[in-house]
C-alpha atoms as a PDB file:
ATOM      1  CA  MET A   1      82.364  86.283 142.212  1.00  0.00           C
ATOM      2  CA  SER A   2      85.376  85.067 144.113  1.00  0.00           C
ATOM      3  CA  ALA A   3      88.833  86.596 143.852  1.00  0.00           C
ATOM      4  CA  GLN A   4      90.170  83.379 142.339  1.00  0.00           C
ATOM      5  CA  SER A   5      87.524  83.486 139.615  1.00  0.00           C
ATOM      6  CA  VAL A   6      88.385  87.095 138.743  1.00  0.00           C
ATOM      7  CA  THR A   7      92.085  86.249 138.609  1.00  0.00           C
ATOM      8  CA  GLY A   8      91.370  83.299 136.318  1.00  0.00           C
ATOM      9  CA  ALA A   9      89.273  85.484 134.006  1.00  0.00           C
ATOM     10  CA  ARG A  10      92.027  88.103 133.827  1.00  0.00           C
ATOM     11  CA  LYS A  11      94.595  85.443 133.001  1.00  0.00           C
ATOM     12  CA  THR A  12      92.362  84.048 130.242  1.00  0.00           C
ATOM     13  CA  VAL A  13      91.758  87.506 128.756  1.00  0.00           C
ATOM     14  CA  ARG A  14      95.487  88.307 128.928  1.00  0.00           C
ATOM     15  CA  GLN A  15      96.426  85.050 127.172  1.00  0.00           C
ATOM     16  CA  PHE A  16      93.771  85.603 124.512  1.00  0.00           C
ATOM     17  CA  ALA A  17      94.995  89.160 123.899  1.00  0.00           C
ATOM     18  CA  LEU A  18      98.588  87.964 123.615  1.00  0.00           C
ATOM     19  CA  ALA A  19      97.598  85.241 121.149  1.00  0.00           C
ATOM     20  CA  MET A  20      95.604  87.743 119.097  1.00  0.00           C
ATOM     21  CA  VAL A  21      98.540  90.180 118.954  1.00  0.00           C
ATOM     22  CA  ALA A  22     100.885  87.379 117.889  1.00  0.00           C
ATOM     23  CA  CYS A  23      98.517  86.251 115.138  1.00  0.00           C
ATOM     24  CA  LEU A  24      98.062  89.791 113.863  1.00  0.00           C
ATOM     25  CA  ALA A  25     101.825  90.301 113.800  1.00  0.00           C
ATOM     26  CA  VAL A  26     102.337  87.135 111.772  1.00  0.00           C
ATOM     27  CA  ALA A  27      99.477  87.995 109.408  1.00  0.00           C
ATOM     28  CA  GLY A  28     100.779  91.539 108.977  1.00  0.00           C
ATOM     29  CA  GLY A  29     104.271  90.285 108.205  1.00  0.00           C
ATOM     30  CA  ALA A  30     102.901  87.810 105.694  1.00  0.00           C
ATOM     31  CA  ALA A  31     100.870  90.548 104.031  1.00  0.00           C
ATOM     32  CA  VAL A  32     103.938  92.771 103.709  1.00  0.00           C
ATOM     33  CA  VAL A  33     106.004  89.962 102.212  1.00  0.00           C
ATOM     34  CA  ALA A  34     103.218  89.012  99.801  1.00  0.00           C
ATOM     35  CA  ALA A  35     102.756  92.633  98.731  1.00  0.00           C
ATOM     36  CA  GLN A  36     106.458  93.003  97.976  1.00  0.00           C
ATOM     37  CA  ASP A  37     106.558  89.710  96.106  1.00  0.00           C
ATOM     38  CA  SER A  38     103.572  90.456  93.886  1.00  0.00           C
ATOM     39  CA  ALA A  39     104.578  94.006  93.005  1.00  0.00           C
ATOM     40  CA  PRO A  40     104.595  94.587  89.258  1.00  0.00           C
ATOM     41  CA  ALA A  41     108.052  94.197  87.775  1.00  0.00           C
ATOM     42  CA  GLY A  42     107.324  96.522  84.896  1.00  0.00           C
ATOM     43  CA  HIS A  43     104.668  96.753  82.243  1.00  0.00           C
ATOM     44  CA  GLN A  44     102.432  93.711  82.272  1.00  0.00           C
ATOM     45  CA  PRO A  45      99.875  93.863  79.447  1.00  0.00           C
ATOM     46  CA  SER A  46      96.413  92.620  80.245  1.00  0.00           C
ATOM     47  CA  VAL A  47      94.606  90.033  78.187  1.00  0.00           C
ATOM     48  CA  ALA A  48      92.008  92.550  77.032  1.00  0.00           C
ATOM     49  CA  GLY A  49      94.635  94.928  75.638  1.00  0.00           C
ATOM     50  CA  ASP A  50      96.977  92.308  74.275  1.00  0.00           C
ATOM     51  CA  GLU A  51      98.888  93.881  71.413  1.00  0.00           C
ATOM     52  CA  TRP A  52     101.675  91.368  70.974  1.00  0.00           C
ATOM     53  CA  PRO A  53     102.908  90.919  67.420  1.00  0.00           C
ATOM     54  CA  VAL A  54     101.151  88.036  65.727  1.00  0.00           C
ATOM     55  CA  PRO A  55     103.302  85.973  63.379  1.00  0.00           C
ATOM     56  CA  THR A  56     102.029  85.961  59.825  1.00  0.00           C
ATOM     57  CA  LYS A  57     102.132  82.796  57.780  1.00  0.00           C
ATOM     58  CA  SER A  58     104.053  83.023  54.585  1.00  0.00           C
ATOM     59  CA  PRO A  59     102.707  81.036  51.663  1.00  0.00           C
ATOM     60  CA  ALA A  60     104.337  77.657  51.136  1.00  0.00           C
ATOM     61  CA  PRO A  61     106.368  77.328  47.955  1.00  0.00           C
ATOM     62  CA  THR A  62     104.568  75.449  45.194  1.00  0.00           C
ATOM     63  CA  ASN A  63     107.343  73.707  43.304  1.00  0.00           C
END
């Protein structure tokens, strides 16, 4: 293997590592922002335990 080939391989590996670090930084930042945005803002009832008051129908007047 020539010295030029080794230097080219090192440059390629260095550029790949830099690109990978940049992508991980962006993905990590996006994950942090998404986690803060989707944090629960209080009690959020689930569909299975939905206990909202149901309106009752009153009988219509029969005049």
